[in-house]
Amino acid sequence: MLRLLHWLLFDPPSPKTRMTREDVMALATKAAEAARIKGGLGLVTVRRVEGRVTWIASTPTKGSGWSVSIDDTTGEVGSVKRWGIR
């Protein structure tokens, strides 16, 4: 219980990144254009996935949308995926 309270009060810090938000947005925009997505990928978060720092760029929508993951170390762009209820 105390661990949960501590986590809620003092959020874990974001992982250190090599890429900037602007670099990620440029790569995500190119990936969205290649997948013919008209809406922009405006929401960007940094996560640690399987020990690697990964950027997730997604559409700022509720219910469903698009997302793309970008590896922070290599700059490799993953596939553009649809998420949600559609």
C-alpha atoms as a PDB file:
ATOM      1  CA  MET A   1       0.000   0.000   0.000  1.00  0.00           C
ATOM      2  CA  LEU A   2       2.799   2.395   0.854  1.00  0.00           C
ATOM      3  CA  ARG A   3       4.564   1.610  -2.414  1.00  0.00           C
ATOM      4  CA  LEU A   4       1.415   2.472  -4.342  1.00  0.00           C
ATOM      5  CA  LEU A   5       1.023   5.723  -2.436  1.00  0.00           C
ATOM      6  CA  HIS A   6       4.669   6.597  -3.036  1.00  0.00           C
ATOM      7  CA  TRP A   7       4.311   5.858  -6.755  1.00  0.00           C
ATOM      8  CA  LEU A   8       1.172   7.981  -7.006  1.00  0.00           C
ATOM      9  CA  LEU A   9       2.762  10.910  -5.202  1.00  0.00           C
ATOM     10  CA  PHE A  10       6.237  10.741  -6.721  1.00  0.00           C
ATOM     11  CA  ASP A  11       5.777   9.459 -10.271  1.00  0.00           C
ATOM     12  CA  PRO A  12       8.744   7.498 -11.595  1.00  0.00           C
ATOM     13  CA  PRO A  13      11.031   9.750 -13.632  1.00  0.00           C
ATOM     14  CA  SER A  14      10.979   9.489 -17.412  1.00  0.00           C
ATOM     15  CA  PRO A  15      13.852   7.470 -18.862  1.00  0.00           C
ATOM     16  CA  LYS A  16      16.827   9.370 -20.296  1.00  0.00           C
ATOM     17  CA  THR A  17      16.481   9.711 -24.066  1.00  0.00           C
ATOM     18  CA  ARG A  18      18.872  10.260 -26.956  1.00  0.00           C
ATOM     19  CA  MET A  19      16.261  11.635 -29.339  1.00  0.00           C
ATOM     20  CA  THR A  20      14.316  14.838 -28.854  1.00  0.00           C
ATOM     21  CA  ARG A  21      10.552  15.197 -29.135  1.00  0.00           C
ATOM     22  CA  GLU A  22      11.032  17.078 -32.416  1.00  0.00           C
ATOM     23  CA  ASP A  23      13.096  14.209 -33.895  1.00  0.00           C
ATOM     24  CA  VAL A  24      10.391  11.730 -32.923  1.00  0.00           C
ATOM     25  CA  MET A  25       7.608  13.896 -34.345  1.00  0.00           C
ATOM     26  CA  ALA A  26       9.470  14.179 -37.671  1.00  0.00           C
ATOM     27  CA  LEU A  27       9.872  10.393 -37.929  1.00  0.00           C
ATOM     28  CA  ALA A  28       6.271   9.786 -36.835  1.00  0.00           C
ATOM     29  CA  THR A  29       4.955  12.275 -39.401  1.00  0.00           C
ATOM     30  CA  LYS A  30       6.854  10.506 -42.199  1.00  0.00           C
ATOM     31  CA  ALA A  31       5.506   7.131 -41.031  1.00  0.00           C
ATOM     32  CA  ALA A  32       1.944   8.507 -40.916  1.00  0.00           C
ATOM     33  CA  GLU A  33       2.263   9.969 -44.414  1.00  0.00           C
ATOM     34  CA  ALA A  34       3.594   6.645 -45.735  1.00  0.00           C
ATOM     35  CA  ALA A  35       0.571   4.877 -44.177  1.00  0.00           C
ATOM     36  CA  ARG A  36      -1.759   7.530 -45.671  1.00  0.00           C
ATOM     37  CA  ILE A  37      -3.080   8.719 -42.304  1.00  0.00           C
ATOM     38  CA  LYS A  38      -4.672  12.147 -42.588  1.00  0.00           C
ATOM     39  CA  GLY A  39      -4.767  12.987 -38.869  1.00  0.00           C
ATOM     40  CA  GLY A  40      -1.594  13.958 -37.093  1.00  0.00           C
ATOM     41  CA  LEU A  41       0.214  11.887 -34.490  1.00  0.00           C
ATOM     42  CA  GLY A  42       0.318  14.635 -31.870  1.00  0.00           C
ATOM     43  CA  LEU A  43       0.614  12.731 -28.590  1.00  0.00           C
ATOM     44  CA  VAL A  44       4.153  11.550 -27.743  1.00  0.00           C
ATOM     45  CA  THR A  45       5.184   9.511 -24.688  1.00  0.00           C
ATOM     46  CA  VAL A  46       8.398   7.801 -23.600  1.00  0.00           C
ATOM     47  CA  ARG A  47       8.223   4.291 -22.158  1.00  0.00           C
ATOM     48  CA  ARG A  48      10.615   1.561 -21.189  1.00  0.00           C
ATOM     49  CA  VAL A  49       9.494  -1.552 -23.111  1.00  0.00           C
ATOM     50  CA  GLU A  50      11.402  -4.792 -22.490  1.00  0.00           C
ATOM     51  CA  GLY A  51      14.376  -2.834 -21.146  1.00  0.00           C
ATOM     52  CA  ARG A  52      14.584  -0.489 -24.147  1.00  0.00           C
ATOM     53  CA  VAL A  53      13.550   3.153 -24.221  1.00  0.00           C
ATOM     54  CA  THR A  54      10.738   3.517 -26.757  1.00  0.00           C
ATOM     55  CA  TRP A  55       8.830   6.544 -27.957  1.00  0.00           C
ATOM     56  CA  ILE A  56       5.126   6.039 -28.698  1.00  0.00           C
ATOM     57  CA  ALA A  57       3.514   8.604 -31.007  1.00  0.00           C
ATOM     58  CA  SER A  58      -0.268   8.360 -31.303  1.00  0.00           C
ATOM     59  CA  THR A  59      -3.325  10.292 -32.326  1.00  0.00           C
ATOM     60  CA  PRO A  60      -4.818  12.331 -29.475  1.00  0.00           C
ATOM     61  CA  THR A  61      -8.240  10.703 -29.702  1.00  0.00           C
ATOM     62  CA  LYS A  62     -10.557   8.682 -27.497  1.00  0.00           C
ATOM     63  CA  GLY A  63     -11.907   5.275 -28.425  1.00  0.00           C
ATOM     64  CA  SER A  64      -9.615   4.444 -31.334  1.00  0.00           C
ATOM     65  CA  GLY A  65      -6.727   5.850 -33.311  1.00  0.00           C
ATOM     66  CA  TRP A  66      -3.264   5.224 -34.712  1.00  0.00           C
ATOM     67  CA  SER A  67       0.113   4.766 -33.051  1.00  0.00           C
ATOM     68  CA  VAL A  68       3.725   4.159 -34.051  1.00  0.00           C
ATOM     69  CA  SER A  69       6.646   3.128 -31.845  1.00  0.00           C
ATOM     70  CA  ILE A  70      10.163   4.463 -32.357  1.00  0.00           C
ATOM     71  CA  ASP A  71      13.235   2.945 -30.713  1.00  0.00           C
ATOM     72  CA  ASP A  72      15.226   5.670 -28.960  1.00  0.00           C
ATOM     73  CA  THR A  73      18.612   3.981 -29.357  1.00  0.00           C
ATOM     74  CA  THR A  74      18.490   3.113 -33.054  1.00  0.00           C
ATOM     75  CA  GLY A  75      15.801   5.483 -34.346  1.00  0.00           C
ATOM     76  CA  GLU A  76      14.061   2.500 -35.937  1.00  0.00           C
ATOM     77  CA  VAL A  77      10.423   3.221 -36.735  1.00  0.00           C
ATOM     78  CA  GLY A  78       7.958   0.414 -36.073  1.00  0.00           C
ATOM     79  CA  SER A  79       4.823  -0.208 -38.048  1.00  0.00           C
ATOM     80  CA  VAL A  80       1.863   2.132 -37.811  1.00  0.00           C
ATOM     81  CA  LYS A  81      -0.842   0.308 -35.868  1.00  0.00           C
ATOM     82  CA  ARG A  82      -4.523   0.958 -35.320  1.00  0.00           C
ATOM     83  CA  TRP A  83      -5.745   0.715 -31.724  1.00  0.00           C
ATOM     84  CA  GLY A  84      -9.147   0.869 -30.113  1.00  0.00           C
ATOM     85  CA  ILE A  85     -12.658  -0.296 -30.842  1.00  0.00           C
ATOM     86  CA  ARG A  86     -12.833   0.134 -34.626  1.00  0.00           C
END
